[in-house]
Amino acid sequence: MVRFLARRLGLGVGILVVLSVIMYAMLDLAMDPLDDLRTSTALNKEAAIDARIHALHLDQPWFNRYLLWLRQFVTGDLGTAWRTQESVNRLLGGAIFTTIQLVLAATLIAIALGVLVGIISALRQYTAFDYAITFVSFVLYSLPVFWVAVLLKQFLAIGVNDFLNSPSINWFLVALVSVVAGLFWAGALGGGLKRGLIIFAAAAGVTFGTSAFVLGSGWLQQPSLGVVGVGVLGIAIALAVTAIFAGMSNRRALYSALTTAVVGIVSYIAIQWLFYYVPMNWGWLFALLLVAVGVGVLVGWLFGGPDRAVSMRGAAVTALLMAALTFVDRVMQGWQQYFDHPSIKGRPIATIGAGTPGFEGDFWLQQLDRFTHLLLPTIALVLISFASYTRYQRGSMLEVLGQDYIRTARAKGLSERIVVVRHALRNALLPLASVVPVDVITLIGGAVITETIFGWSGMGRLFVVSLRQSEVDPVMAYVMITGALAIVANLVADYLYALLDPRIQVAA
C-alpha cells in the first residue's frame, strides 16, 4: 500500500508540474496586464506602463516568470493579486471556506436523497413511480442552474418573506402538495390497489394536516421543535433506523435504538441549561457530538445480542440524528430575535451573500444567519446533483439485482430487506464511489455560476474576477488547488472501491 501511495503521489506531482507549465503559458498568451494602461489618456501613461512592466517582470520571457512563480509556490507563497496588493494566501483562505460551506451541505443532501430515491426507483422498476422519478430526474438534470436560482429567489425567498410579514394561506397549493406527497409514498411503498389507496390517503392527510398547522398556527413565525417535537421525531428515527439496518424482528437492535432515543430526549432537557450558560463554539459542539455517538455505541453494546455490531451501529446513527435535532432546535429558538434584528428588517430568507453585512449576534444567531444564506444556493445545487445521483444509483441497483448471487439469496428465503441492504446495496454503491469524490471537487472548483448569482465570494468567483483582471497569481493558485484536489479525489475513489469491495486490491 505504501508503494502504491508513493507511486500515485509521485505521478500526481508530475501531472501538477505539467499542468502548471501549460496553464502559465496559456495565461501569458491570453492575458494583457497592460490593457487598461494602453487605452489610458493620462499624461504619465508611458511611465505607468514602464513601472508595471518592471513590477510584473513583463520584460522577461514567460518561462522565467514561471520559474519565479514556481519558486514562490513551493515555499507556500501563492503570490499577490497585484491590482489590490492582497496576498493570494489570504484571498484563497476565505474563498475556500466559503465554497466548502456552499458545497458540503448540498453534496451530502443530494447523495442521501439520490441514493434513497434511486434504490426505490430500481425496486419499483417499470411502475408509475419509476417513470415519474425518471421524468423528474431528466427534467432537473436539464435545467440551467441560473434559471433555477432565479425561480428560487422569486418564489422561495421573496414569496416566503412576504408570507412571514403578511400570512395568507393558498389552500389550493397546500392541497396540491398533499396529493403529490400521497402519490409519492403510495408509489414508493408499493403494493396492491387497496394498499396503495390507504397509503395515499394517509400520506396526503398527514401532509395536509401538517402543512395546515405550520401555516395556520404561526409556527413559521416562531418555529421550534421543543421536547415534544424532538421526542416524536426521535422515536420515529429509532424505528426507521432499526427497520433499515436490522429489521423490526431484531428486538435487541430495536430496544437499543429506542433506548438511545429516550436518552436523547432526557439529554435534550438537560443540555438546554448548558446551551444557556456556556458560550458555545464548534469545538464544544463537536465534543458533545462525540459524547452522543459514544453513548449510542455503549447502549448498543450493552444490549448486545447475536449481532452486537448491528445494535451498536443503529444506536450510534440514532444518537447522531438526535444530536442534530437538538442542534436544529436550539438554532430555531433564536428565530424571533433574528427576525426582529435591525439588519434583517423582517426578511430573513436571504437572496445574496454568505452573510448579512454588519450583523452581530451570539453563536446561535450567527448559525441561523449562515443557514438563511445557505438555503437558496444549497437547494439549487441539490436539485441539479440529485438528478444525476438518482440515475446512477438506479442503473447500478438494477444491474446488481440481476446478478446470480441476488437470486440465490432470495431462493434461500432471505427477507427482501436483507437482500437489498446487506447484499445488493454495497455493490450498487461502487459506481458512486468513483463519481462522488470527483463531483465534490468539480463543485468546489466550478460552482462559478451559483456563486455569481447568489453573490458568494468563493473560489469560482475569485477565479473569474482574477481572470478578467489579468491577475496570474490567483488564477494559477486556483488551478493548482483544484488540480491537486482532483488527484486526491481519484485516490479517494480507489480506496472507496477497496472499502466497498474487499476483492479489489488497492495495491494492484
Protein backbone atom coordinates (compact mmCIF):
# COMPACT_ATOMS: atom_id res chain seq x y z
CA MET A 1 0.00 0.00 0.00
CA VAL A 2 2.87 2.36 0.79
CA ARG A 3 4.42 1.75 -2.63
CA PHE A 4 1.06 2.31 -4.31
CA LEU A 5 0.52 5.56 -2.41
CA ALA A 6 4.05 6.79 -3.17
CA ARG A 7 3.67 5.92 -6.85
CA ARG A 8 0.31 7.70 -7.14
CA LEU A 9 1.53 10.78 -5.28
CA GLY A 10 4.66 10.96 -7.45
CA LEU A 11 2.52 10.69 -10.57
CA GLY A 12 0.22 13.38 -9.19
CA VAL A 13 3.11 15.78 -8.58
CA GLY A 14 4.32 15.22 -12.12
CA ILE A 15 0.85 15.94 -13.52
CA LEU A 16 0.64 19.16 -11.48
CA VAL A 17 4.02 20.35 -12.79
CA VAL A 18 2.98 19.74 -16.40
CA LEU A 19 -0.39 21.38 -15.71
CA SER A 20 1.28 24.45 -14.21
CA VAL A 21 3.61 24.91 -17.21
CA ILE A 22 0.80 24.59 -19.74
CA MET A 23 -1.57 26.88 -17.82
CA TYR A 24 1.07 29.56 -17.25
CA ALA A 25 1.92 29.57 -20.95
CA MET A 26 -1.76 29.83 -21.92
CA LEU A 27 -2.36 32.64 -19.42
CA ASP A 28 0.63 34.52 -20.80
CA LEU A 29 -0.95 34.37 -24.26
CA ALA A 30 -4.48 35.23 -23.09
CA MET A 31 -3.81 37.95 -20.51
CA ASP A 32 -2.70 41.51 -21.07
CA PRO A 33 -1.91 43.23 -17.74
CA LEU A 34 -1.26 46.48 -19.63
CA ASP A 35 -4.64 46.59 -21.36
CA ASP A 36 -6.10 49.33 -19.14
CA LEU A 37 -2.97 51.47 -19.48
CA ARG A 38 -2.82 51.20 -23.26
CA THR A 39 -6.19 52.96 -23.57
CA SER A 40 -5.43 55.47 -20.81
CA THR A 41 -5.31 59.21 -21.58
CA ALA A 42 -3.19 60.08 -18.52
CA LEU A 43 -0.12 62.24 -19.04
CA ASN A 44 2.12 59.74 -17.24
CA LYS A 45 0.90 56.84 -19.36
CA GLU A 46 4.34 55.71 -20.55
CA ALA A 47 5.84 55.94 -17.07
CA ALA A 48 2.96 53.89 -15.65
CA ILE A 49 3.44 51.25 -18.34
CA ASP A 50 7.17 51.02 -17.64
CA ALA A 51 6.53 50.77 -13.89
CA ARG A 52 4.04 47.93 -14.32
CA ILE A 53 6.32 46.08 -16.75
CA HIS A 54 9.10 46.27 -14.18
CA ALA A 55 6.85 45.28 -11.26
CA LEU A 56 5.37 42.25 -13.04
CA HIS A 57 8.63 41.26 -14.80
CA LEU A 58 6.91 41.55 -18.17
CA ASP A 59 10.25 42.38 -19.80
CA GLN A 60 11.38 38.77 -19.17
CA PRO A 61 10.34 35.65 -21.14
CA TRP A 62 7.26 33.89 -19.77
CA PHE A 63 9.26 30.84 -18.72
CA ASN A 64 11.50 32.96 -16.48
CA ARG A 65 8.38 34.40 -14.84
CA TYR A 66 7.02 30.89 -14.45
CA LEU A 67 10.18 29.80 -12.62
CA LEU A 68 9.88 32.82 -10.31
CA TRP A 69 6.27 31.88 -9.60
CA LEU A 70 7.18 28.19 -9.06
CA ARG A 71 9.94 29.10 -6.60
CA GLN A 72 7.40 31.06 -4.54
CA PHE A 73 4.72 28.36 -4.86
CA VAL A 74 6.85 25.50 -3.50
CA THR A 75 7.62 27.61 -0.39
CA GLY A 76 3.90 28.12 0.29
CA ASP A 77 3.70 31.68 -1.05
CA LEU A 78 0.90 31.74 -3.63
CA GLY A 79 1.77 35.25 -4.77
CA THR A 80 -0.06 38.57 -4.76
CA ALA A 81 -3.10 39.99 -6.52
CA TRP A 82 -1.19 42.92 -7.96
CA ARG A 83 -4.17 45.23 -8.53
CA THR A 84 -5.16 45.24 -4.85
CA GLN A 85 -1.79 44.16 -3.40
CA GLU A 86 -3.57 41.47 -1.37
CA SER A 87 -1.95 38.15 -0.54
CA VAL A 88 -3.37 35.26 -2.56
CA ASN A 89 -2.99 33.04 0.51
CA ARG A 90 -5.42 35.28 2.40
CA LEU A 91 -7.83 35.59 -0.52
CA LEU A 92 -7.93 31.84 -1.11
CA GLY A 93 -8.31 31.06 2.60
CA GLY A 94 -11.62 32.90 2.75
CA ALA A 95 -12.72 31.72 -0.70
CA ILE A 96 -12.10 28.03 0.04
CA PHE A 97 -14.02 28.20 3.34
CA THR A 98 -16.93 29.95 1.61
CA THR A 99 -17.09 27.40 -1.21
CA ILE A 100 -16.83 24.41 1.14
CA GLN A 101 -19.75 25.82 3.14
CA LEU A 102 -21.76 26.03 -0.05
CA VAL A 103 -20.85 22.63 -1.45
CA LEU A 104 -20.69 20.38 1.62
CA ALA A 105 -24.32 20.52 2.71
CA ALA A 106 -25.61 20.36 -0.88
CA THR A 107 -23.47 17.30 -1.66
CA LEU A 108 -24.46 15.36 1.46
CA ILE A 109 -28.17 16.05 0.96
CA ALA A 110 -28.03 15.25 -2.76
CA ILE A 111 -26.21 11.96 -2.17
CA ALA A 112 -28.59 10.86 0.59
CA LEU A 113 -31.72 11.70 -1.39
CA GLY A 114 -30.31 10.48 -4.71
CA VAL A 115 -29.24 7.10 -3.34
CA LEU A 116 -32.52 6.56 -1.49
CA VAL A 117 -34.79 7.53 -4.39
CA GLY A 118 -32.58 5.65 -6.87
CA ILE A 119 -32.86 2.44 -4.85
CA ILE A 120 -36.64 2.76 -4.52
CA SER A 121 -36.97 3.52 -8.22
CA ALA A 122 -34.96 0.39 -9.08
CA LEU A 123 -37.08 -1.76 -6.75
CA ARG A 124 -40.25 -0.35 -8.39
CA GLN A 125 -38.95 -0.76 -11.95
CA TYR A 126 -41.47 -0.10 -14.75
CA THR A 127 -44.12 1.19 -12.36
CA ALA A 128 -45.72 4.63 -12.49
CA PHE A 129 -43.43 5.69 -9.64
CA ASP A 130 -40.34 4.66 -11.62
CA TYR A 131 -41.48 6.50 -14.72
CA ALA A 132 -42.31 9.63 -12.69
CA ILE A 133 -38.90 9.65 -10.97
CA THR A 134 -37.16 9.12 -14.30
CA PHE A 135 -39.07 12.02 -15.86
CA VAL A 136 -38.40 14.36 -12.91
CA SER A 137 -34.71 13.40 -12.85
CA PHE A 138 -34.22 14.19 -16.53
CA VAL A 139 -36.09 17.49 -16.17
CA LEU A 140 -33.98 18.56 -13.18
CA TYR A 141 -30.76 17.44 -14.84
CA SER A 142 -31.50 19.55 -17.92
CA LEU A 143 -32.44 22.72 -16.01
CA PRO A 144 -29.86 25.55 -16.14
CA VAL A 145 -28.76 26.48 -12.64
CA PHE A 146 -29.17 30.23 -13.23
CA TRP A 147 -32.83 29.74 -14.14
CA VAL A 148 -33.42 27.57 -11.06
CA ALA A 149 -31.73 30.25 -8.94
CA VAL A 150 -33.97 32.99 -10.29
CA LEU A 151 -37.11 30.92 -9.55
CA LEU A 152 -35.88 30.17 -6.05
CA LYS A 153 -35.25 33.84 -5.38
CA GLN A 154 -38.68 34.80 -6.63
CA PHE A 155 -40.86 32.13 -5.02
CA LEU A 156 -38.89 30.78 -2.07
CA ALA A 157 -37.19 33.95 -0.88
CA ILE A 158 -39.41 36.85 -1.86
CA GLY A 159 -42.59 34.79 -1.56
CA VAL A 160 -41.74 33.35 1.88
CA ASN A 161 -40.56 36.72 3.20
CA ASP A 162 -43.82 38.30 2.06
CA PHE A 163 -45.80 35.49 3.69
CA LEU A 164 -43.96 35.88 7.00
CA ASN A 165 -44.85 39.56 7.10
CA SER A 166 -48.41 39.10 5.83
CA PRO A 167 -49.62 35.47 6.20
CA SER A 168 -52.14 34.35 3.60
CA ILE A 169 -52.61 30.61 3.02
CA ASN A 170 -53.02 29.29 -0.52
CA TRP A 171 -55.16 26.22 0.20
CA PHE A 172 -55.03 25.04 -3.41
CA LEU A 173 -51.24 24.87 -3.23
CA VAL A 174 -51.42 23.03 0.12
CA ALA A 175 -53.85 20.50 -1.38
CA LEU A 176 -51.64 20.05 -4.47
CA VAL A 177 -48.56 19.38 -2.34
CA SER A 178 -50.56 16.91 -0.24
CA VAL A 179 -51.69 15.00 -3.34
CA VAL A 180 -48.11 14.86 -4.68
CA ALA A 181 -46.87 13.59 -1.30
CA GLY A 182 -49.61 10.94 -1.26
CA LEU A 183 -48.73 9.76 -4.75
CA PHE A 184 -45.01 9.65 -3.90
CA TRP A 185 -45.43 7.48 -0.82
CA ALA A 186 -48.03 5.24 -2.44
CA GLY A 187 -45.62 4.60 -5.33
CA ALA A 188 -42.54 4.27 -3.09
CA LEU A 189 -44.07 1.74 -0.70
CA GLY A 190 -45.81 -0.21 -3.48
CA GLY A 191 -48.36 -2.98 -3.04
CA GLY A 192 -51.80 -3.65 -4.45
CA LEU A 193 -54.56 -1.15 -5.22
CA LYS A 194 -56.11 -1.30 -1.75
CA ARG A 195 -52.75 -0.84 -0.01
CA GLY A 196 -51.86 1.98 -2.39
CA LEU A 197 -55.10 3.84 -1.71
CA ILE A 198 -54.62 3.50 2.06
CA ILE A 199 -51.03 4.79 1.86
CA PHE A 200 -52.08 7.63 -0.45
CA ALA A 201 -54.88 8.73 1.87
CA ALA A 202 -52.69 8.51 4.97
CA ALA A 203 -49.72 10.37 3.43
CA ALA A 204 -51.90 13.06 1.84
CA GLY A 205 -53.84 13.53 5.09
CA VAL A 206 -50.71 13.81 7.22
CA THR A 207 -49.13 16.24 4.76
CA PHE A 208 -52.25 18.39 4.57
CA GLY A 209 -52.69 18.43 8.36
CA THR A 210 -49.02 19.24 8.99
CA SER A 211 -49.00 21.98 6.36
CA ALA A 212 -52.22 23.49 7.72
CA PHE A 213 -50.79 23.51 11.24
CA VAL A 214 -47.44 25.02 10.20
CA LEU A 215 -49.02 27.73 8.04
CA GLY A 216 -52.10 28.47 10.09
CA SER A 217 -50.80 28.34 13.65
CA GLY A 218 -48.00 30.85 13.18
CA TRP A 219 -45.33 28.16 13.61
CA LEU A 220 -43.32 29.64 10.73
CA GLN A 221 -43.17 32.95 12.55
CA GLN A 222 -41.91 31.26 15.76
CA PRO A 223 -40.54 27.85 14.74
CA SER A 224 -39.50 25.40 17.45
CA LEU A 225 -39.40 21.64 17.94
CA GLY A 226 -39.42 21.57 21.73
CA VAL A 227 -39.12 18.45 23.81
CA VAL A 228 -42.32 17.02 22.26
CA GLY A 229 -41.12 17.52 18.68
CA VAL A 230 -37.66 16.15 19.44
CA GLY A 231 -39.24 13.20 21.25
CA VAL A 232 -41.67 12.28 18.47
CA LEU A 233 -39.04 12.67 15.75
CA GLY A 234 -36.50 10.76 17.86
CA ILE A 235 -38.80 7.76 18.25
CA ALA A 236 -39.59 7.86 14.54
CA ILE A 237 -35.86 7.95 13.76
CA ALA A 238 -35.21 4.97 16.04
CA LEU A 239 -37.92 2.94 14.31
CA ALA A 240 -36.74 3.92 10.83
CA VAL A 241 -33.07 3.19 11.57
CA THR A 242 -33.96 -0.21 13.02
CA ALA A 243 -36.14 -1.06 10.03
CA ILE A 244 -33.31 -0.23 7.63
CA PHE A 245 -30.25 -1.61 9.43
CA ALA A 246 -31.61 -4.56 11.40
CA GLY A 247 -35.28 -5.22 10.69
CA MET A 248 -38.08 -4.89 13.22
CA SER A 249 -37.72 -8.58 14.18
CA ASN A 250 -34.32 -7.84 15.74
CA ARG A 251 -35.63 -6.86 19.18
CA ARG A 252 -32.25 -6.05 20.70
CA ALA A 253 -31.45 -3.63 17.90
CA LEU A 254 -34.92 -2.09 18.25
CA TYR A 255 -34.56 -1.68 22.02
CA SER A 256 -31.07 -0.22 21.55
CA ALA A 257 -32.33 2.46 19.16
CA LEU A 258 -35.40 3.27 21.26
CA THR A 259 -33.32 3.49 24.45
CA THR A 260 -30.89 5.81 22.69
CA ALA A 261 -33.82 7.98 21.61
CA VAL A 262 -35.10 8.15 25.20
CA VAL A 263 -31.60 9.07 26.42
CA GLY A 264 -31.55 11.75 23.72
CA ILE A 265 -34.88 13.18 24.93
CA VAL A 266 -33.62 13.35 28.54
CA SER A 267 -30.33 14.86 27.34
CA TYR A 268 -32.24 17.46 25.34
CA ILE A 269 -33.85 18.75 28.53
CA ALA A 270 -30.55 18.77 30.42
CA ILE A 271 -28.45 20.30 27.69
CA GLN A 272 -30.63 23.40 27.38
CA TRP A 273 -29.01 24.59 30.62
CA LEU A 274 -25.57 24.08 29.08
CA PHE A 275 -26.56 25.98 25.94
CA TYR A 276 -27.85 28.86 28.06
CA TYR A 277 -24.94 29.30 30.47
CA VAL A 278 -21.90 28.16 28.44
CA PRO A 279 -20.72 30.21 25.43
CA MET A 280 -20.90 27.75 22.56
CA ASN A 281 -18.49 27.20 19.67
CA TRP A 282 -17.87 24.44 17.16
CA GLY A 283 -15.30 22.79 19.43
CA TRP A 284 -17.87 22.36 22.19
CA LEU A 285 -20.47 21.06 19.73
CA PHE A 286 -18.06 18.55 18.21
CA ALA A 287 -17.17 17.26 21.68
CA LEU A 288 -20.87 16.90 22.56
CA LEU A 289 -21.47 15.07 19.28
CA LEU A 290 -18.70 12.58 20.07
CA VAL A 291 -20.21 12.01 23.51
CA ALA A 292 -23.65 11.42 21.99
CA VAL A 293 -22.34 8.88 19.45
CA GLY A 294 -20.27 7.22 22.19
CA VAL A 295 -23.36 6.84 24.37
CA GLY A 296 -25.24 5.31 21.43
CA VAL A 297 -22.44 2.81 20.79
CA LEU A 298 -22.37 1.93 24.51
CA VAL A 299 -26.14 1.38 24.62
CA GLY A 300 -25.95 -0.89 21.56
CA TRP A 301 -23.06 -2.83 23.12
CA LEU A 302 -24.93 -3.30 26.41
CA PHE A 303 -27.99 -4.71 24.65
CA GLY A 304 -25.68 -6.95 22.62
CA GLY A 305 -27.43 -9.89 21.03
CA PRO A 306 -26.25 -12.35 18.37
CA ASP A 307 -25.26 -9.46 16.08
CA ARG A 308 -23.97 -6.83 18.50
CA ALA A 309 -22.42 -4.69 15.74
CA VAL A 310 -25.86 -4.12 14.20
CA SER A 311 -27.27 -2.87 17.51
CA MET A 312 -24.27 -0.60 18.05
CA ARG A 313 -24.49 0.85 14.53
CA GLY A 314 -28.22 1.53 14.75
CA ALA A 315 -27.92 3.15 18.18
CA ALA A 316 -24.98 5.29 17.02
CA VAL A 317 -26.91 6.55 13.98
CA THR A 318 -29.93 7.29 16.18
CA ALA A 319 -27.72 9.23 18.62
CA LEU A 320 -26.17 11.20 15.77
CA LEU A 321 -29.56 12.21 14.37
CA MET A 322 -30.91 13.06 17.84
CA ALA A 323 -27.92 15.35 18.37
CA ALA A 324 -28.67 17.01 15.03
CA LEU A 325 -32.30 17.57 16.08
CA THR A 326 -31.16 19.16 19.36
CA PHE A 327 -28.82 21.48 17.49
CA VAL A 328 -31.50 22.48 14.97
CA ASP A 329 -33.99 23.17 17.76
CA ARG A 330 -31.53 25.42 19.60
CA VAL A 331 -30.81 27.39 16.43
CA MET A 332 -34.55 27.77 15.79
CA GLN A 333 -35.07 29.21 19.27
CA GLY A 334 -33.37 32.42 18.14
CA TRP A 335 -35.68 32.91 15.15
CA GLN A 336 -37.80 35.71 16.62
CA GLN A 337 -34.74 37.65 17.77
CA TYR A 338 -33.15 37.15 14.35
CA PHE A 339 -36.36 38.16 12.55
CA ASP A 340 -36.59 41.41 14.56
CA HIS A 341 -32.90 42.29 14.16
CA PRO A 342 -32.36 45.73 12.53
CA SER A 343 -30.04 44.22 9.90
CA ILE A 344 -32.65 41.64 8.84
CA LYS A 345 -35.64 44.03 8.65
CA GLY A 346 -38.21 41.25 8.78
CA ARG A 347 -36.96 39.48 5.64
CA PRO A 348 -34.90 36.54 6.91
CA ILE A 349 -34.60 34.44 3.74
CA ALA A 350 -31.51 35.91 2.06
CA THR A 351 -31.02 36.11 -1.69
CA ILE A 352 -27.40 37.23 -1.90
CA GLY A 353 -24.14 36.90 0.02
CA ALA A 354 -22.77 34.40 2.53
CA GLY A 355 -23.79 36.54 5.50
CA THR A 356 -25.68 39.68 6.43
CA PRO A 357 -23.39 42.76 6.33
CA GLY A 358 -22.97 44.30 9.77
CA PHE A 359 -24.91 41.52 11.51
CA GLU A 360 -23.94 40.96 15.13
CA GLY A 361 -25.24 38.25 17.43
CA ASP A 362 -24.23 35.29 19.56
CA PHE A 363 -23.08 31.93 18.22
CA TRP A 364 -26.62 30.65 17.64
CA LEU A 365 -27.77 33.74 15.76
CA GLN A 366 -24.65 33.55 13.60
CA GLN A 367 -25.53 29.96 12.67
CA LEU A 368 -29.08 30.99 11.86
CA ASP A 369 -27.80 33.80 9.64
CA ARG A 370 -25.46 31.37 7.88
CA PHE A 371 -28.33 28.93 7.34
CA THR A 372 -30.65 31.51 5.80
CA HIS A 373 -27.91 32.48 3.34
CA LEU A 374 -27.10 28.84 2.56
CA LEU A 375 -30.71 27.86 1.92
CA LEU A 376 -31.23 29.01 -1.68
CA PRO A 377 -27.84 28.07 -3.21
CA THR A 378 -27.94 24.71 -1.44
CA ILE A 379 -31.38 23.91 -2.86
CA ALA A 380 -30.21 24.96 -6.33
CA LEU A 381 -27.18 22.65 -6.20
CA VAL A 382 -29.19 19.80 -4.64
CA LEU A 383 -31.81 19.88 -7.39
CA ILE A 384 -29.17 19.53 -10.09
CA SER A 385 -26.94 16.96 -8.32
CA PHE A 386 -29.86 14.89 -7.02
CA ALA A 387 -30.97 14.07 -10.56
CA SER A 388 -27.61 12.58 -11.60
CA TYR A 389 -27.15 10.59 -8.38
CA THR A 390 -30.64 9.14 -8.74
CA ARG A 391 -29.94 7.93 -12.26
CA TYR A 392 -26.53 6.49 -11.31
CA GLN A 393 -27.96 4.64 -8.31
CA ARG A 394 -30.99 3.31 -10.17
CA GLY A 395 -28.90 1.91 -13.02
CA SER A 396 -26.34 0.39 -10.67
CA MET A 397 -29.01 -1.14 -8.44
CA LEU A 398 -30.82 -2.71 -11.39
CA GLU A 399 -27.57 -4.26 -12.60
CA VAL A 400 -26.79 -5.73 -9.18
CA LEU A 401 -30.35 -7.04 -8.63
CA GLY A 402 -29.97 -9.09 -11.81
CA GLN A 403 -26.86 -10.94 -10.55
CA ASP A 404 -26.88 -14.63 -9.70
CA TYR A 405 -25.97 -14.17 -6.04
CA ILE A 406 -29.06 -11.97 -5.52
CA ARG A 407 -31.29 -14.68 -6.97
CA THR A 408 -29.52 -17.20 -4.72
CA ALA A 409 -30.11 -15.01 -1.65
CA ARG A 410 -33.81 -14.77 -2.45
CA ALA A 411 -34.01 -18.52 -3.12
CA LYS A 412 -32.56 -19.16 0.34
CA GLY A 413 -35.60 -17.39 1.79
CA LEU A 414 -33.88 -14.23 2.99
CA SER A 415 -36.14 -11.21 3.51
CA GLU A 416 -36.20 -8.50 0.87
CA ARG A 417 -34.67 -6.03 3.34
CA ILE A 418 -31.63 -8.26 3.91
CA VAL A 419 -31.28 -8.93 0.18
CA VAL A 420 -31.36 -5.23 -0.66
CA VAL A 421 -29.46 -3.69 2.28
CA ARG A 422 -26.84 -6.34 3.03
CA HIS A 423 -26.26 -7.95 -0.36
CA ALA A 424 -27.22 -5.53 -3.13
CA LEU A 425 -26.66 -2.04 -1.74
CA ARG A 426 -22.94 -2.35 -1.03
CA ASN A 427 -22.11 -3.43 -4.58
CA ALA A 428 -24.58 -0.94 -6.05
CA LEU A 429 -22.65 1.88 -4.37
CA LEU A 430 -19.45 1.07 -6.28
CA PRO A 431 -20.16 3.34 -9.29
CA LEU A 432 -20.96 6.23 -6.94
CA ALA A 433 -17.62 5.69 -5.21
CA SER A 434 -15.88 6.90 -8.36
CA VAL A 435 -18.41 9.60 -9.19
CA VAL A 436 -18.97 11.36 -5.85
CA PRO A 437 -15.36 12.37 -4.99
CA VAL A 438 -14.82 13.84 -8.44
CA ASP A 439 -18.21 15.57 -8.33
CA VAL A 440 -17.36 17.18 -5.00
CA ILE A 441 -14.10 18.56 -6.38
CA THR A 442 -15.90 19.73 -9.51
CA LEU A 443 -18.42 21.61 -7.38
CA ILE A 444 -15.68 23.15 -5.22
CA GLY A 445 -13.78 24.37 -8.25
CA GLY A 446 -16.64 25.06 -10.59
CA ALA A 447 -19.61 26.49 -8.70
CA VAL A 448 -18.95 29.71 -10.60
CA ILE A 449 -22.50 30.39 -11.77
CA THR A 450 -24.06 29.62 -8.40
CA GLU A 451 -21.56 31.80 -6.54
CA THR A 452 -22.05 34.65 -9.01
CA ILE A 453 -25.86 34.57 -8.90
CA PHE A 454 -26.03 34.40 -5.11
CA GLY A 455 -23.13 36.77 -4.50
CA TRP A 456 -20.85 34.28 -2.76
CA SER A 457 -17.15 35.20 -2.81
CA GLY A 458 -15.91 31.65 -3.29
CA MET A 459 -13.18 30.05 -5.37
CA GLY A 460 -15.14 30.06 -8.60
CA ARG A 461 -15.92 33.75 -8.39
CA LEU A 462 -12.32 34.56 -7.40
CA PHE A 463 -11.14 32.69 -10.50
CA VAL A 464 -13.47 34.61 -12.82
CA VAL A 465 -12.66 38.01 -11.33
CA SER A 466 -8.90 37.35 -11.41
CA LEU A 467 -9.09 36.12 -14.99
CA ARG A 468 -10.98 39.26 -16.00
CA GLN A 469 -8.41 41.47 -14.29
CA SER A 470 -5.41 39.63 -15.78
CA GLU A 471 -4.03 38.58 -12.40
CA VAL A 472 -1.90 35.48 -12.92
CA ASP A 473 -1.14 34.50 -9.32
CA PRO A 474 -4.76 33.98 -8.12
CA VAL A 475 -5.65 32.08 -11.30
CA MET A 476 -2.62 29.81 -11.01
CA ALA A 477 -3.33 29.18 -7.33
CA TYR A 478 -6.92 28.23 -8.22
CA VAL A 479 -5.75 25.89 -10.99
CA MET A 480 -3.16 24.17 -8.80
CA ILE A 481 -5.51 23.70 -5.85
CA THR A 482 -8.35 22.30 -7.95
CA GLY A 483 -5.86 20.09 -9.82
CA ALA A 484 -4.45 18.74 -6.56
CA LEU A 485 -7.94 18.13 -5.23
CA ALA A 486 -8.85 16.23 -8.40
CA ILE A 487 -5.85 13.95 -7.92
CA VAL A 488 -6.78 13.38 -4.27
CA ALA A 489 -10.39 12.70 -5.30
CA ASN A 490 -9.31 9.93 -7.67
CA LEU A 491 -7.11 8.45 -4.94
CA VAL A 492 -10.05 8.52 -2.50
CA ALA A 493 -12.23 6.83 -5.13
CA ASP A 494 -9.72 3.96 -5.38
CA TYR A 495 -9.80 3.43 -1.62
CA LEU A 496 -13.60 3.62 -1.54
CA TYR A 497 -13.69 0.87 -4.15
CA ALA A 498 -11.48 -1.31 -1.94
CA LEU A 499 -13.58 -0.49 1.13
CA LEU A 500 -16.85 -1.43 -0.57
CA ASP A 501 -15.50 -4.49 -2.37
CA PRO A 502 -12.79 -6.45 -0.48
CA ARG A 503 -11.96 -8.34 -3.69
CA ILE A 504 -10.34 -5.18 -5.05
CA GLN A 505 -6.72 -4.79 -4.01
CA VAL A 506 -5.62 -1.17 -3.65
CA ALA A 507 -2.00 -2.01 -4.42
CA ALA A 508 -2.91 -3.89 -7.62
